[in-house]
Amino acid sequence: MRQEIATFVSEGKTDQEVLDYYKQKYGLRILVEPEGALWWWMHVVPFVVLGIGAVVVVFMLKRWLRPLPAS
């Protein structure tokens, strides 16, 4: 693969052309970082879910630890 990339560079191919070649040959799994919507799902959604989970935990703890009304 390194030899192929060296050949592509010597031929004057752009980075995007090299990426497109390898994506066509091996599929998206060749990329270390996904592109487009996959990037969003991998980098943003987990933090949103963690944030929502933290809010739910705080809400439940406040409710459970609230003193009971005197009867």
Protein backbone atom coordinates (compact mmCIF):
# COMPACT_ATOMS: atom_id res chain seq x y z
CA MET A 1 0.00 0.00 0.00
CA ARG A 2 2.86 2.39 0.78
CA GLN A 3 4.40 1.65 -2.60
CA GLU A 4 1.05 2.31 -4.30
CA ILE A 5 0.71 5.62 -2.49
CA ALA A 6 4.26 6.60 -3.47
CA THR A 7 3.37 5.80 -7.08
CA PHE A 8 0.18 7.87 -6.85
CA VAL A 9 2.12 10.81 -5.43
CA SER A 10 4.74 10.60 -8.16
CA GLU A 11 1.91 10.57 -10.74
CA GLY A 12 0.58 13.79 -9.20
CA LYS A 13 -2.69 12.41 -7.85
CA THR A 14 -4.44 14.42 -5.16
CA ASP A 15 -5.17 13.15 -1.65
CA GLN A 16 -8.84 12.85 -2.51
CA GLU A 17 -8.08 10.76 -5.61
CA VAL A 18 -5.98 8.38 -3.53
CA LEU A 19 -8.70 8.13 -0.88
CA ASP A 20 -11.35 7.50 -3.52
CA TYR A 21 -9.21 4.73 -5.04
CA TYR A 22 -8.83 2.92 -1.72
CA LYS A 23 -12.48 3.44 -0.73
CA GLN A 24 -13.52 1.89 -4.05
CA LYS A 25 -11.07 -1.00 -3.65
CA TYR A 26 -11.64 -1.83 0.05
CA GLY A 27 -14.82 0.01 1.04
CA LEU A 28 -15.30 2.52 3.85
CA ARG A 29 -13.63 0.22 6.38
CA ILE A 30 -10.25 1.38 5.02
CA LEU A 31 -10.74 4.81 6.60
CA VAL A 32 -9.52 5.41 10.15
CA GLU A 33 -12.10 8.17 10.59
CA PRO A 34 -15.52 7.78 8.96
CA GLU A 35 -16.84 10.52 6.70
CA GLY A 36 -20.15 12.39 6.71
CA ALA A 37 -23.03 11.04 8.77
CA LEU A 38 -20.93 8.19 10.17
CA TRP A 39 -18.60 10.76 11.73
CA TRP A 40 -21.60 12.38 13.42
CA TRP A 41 -22.79 9.06 14.88
CA MET A 42 -19.32 8.15 16.10
CA HIS A 43 -18.28 11.47 17.67
CA VAL A 44 -21.38 13.42 18.67
CA VAL A 45 -24.18 10.98 19.50
CA PRO A 46 -22.32 9.16 22.34
CA PHE A 47 -21.74 12.46 24.16
CA VAL A 48 -25.37 13.50 23.71
CA VAL A 49 -26.52 10.15 25.12
CA LEU A 50 -24.10 10.47 28.06
CA GLY A 51 -25.39 13.99 28.76
CA ILE A 52 -29.01 12.87 28.73
CA GLY A 53 -28.12 9.93 30.98
CA ALA A 54 -26.39 12.26 33.45
CA VAL A 55 -29.46 14.53 33.59
CA VAL A 56 -31.71 11.53 34.23
CA VAL A 57 -29.42 10.24 37.01
CA VAL A 58 -29.33 13.66 38.72
CA PHE A 59 -33.12 13.96 38.48
CA MET A 60 -33.64 10.49 39.96
CA LEU A 61 -31.15 11.05 42.79
CA LYS A 62 -32.80 14.35 43.74
CA ARG A 63 -36.18 12.63 43.80
CA TRP A 64 -34.96 9.65 45.84
CA LEU A 65 -33.07 11.77 48.35
CA ARG A 66 -35.89 14.27 48.91
CA PRO A 67 -37.09 14.18 52.52
CA LEU A 68 -40.47 12.55 53.01
CA PRO A 69 -43.31 14.88 54.01
CA ALA A 70 -44.31 14.68 57.70
CA SER A 71 -47.69 13.03 58.22
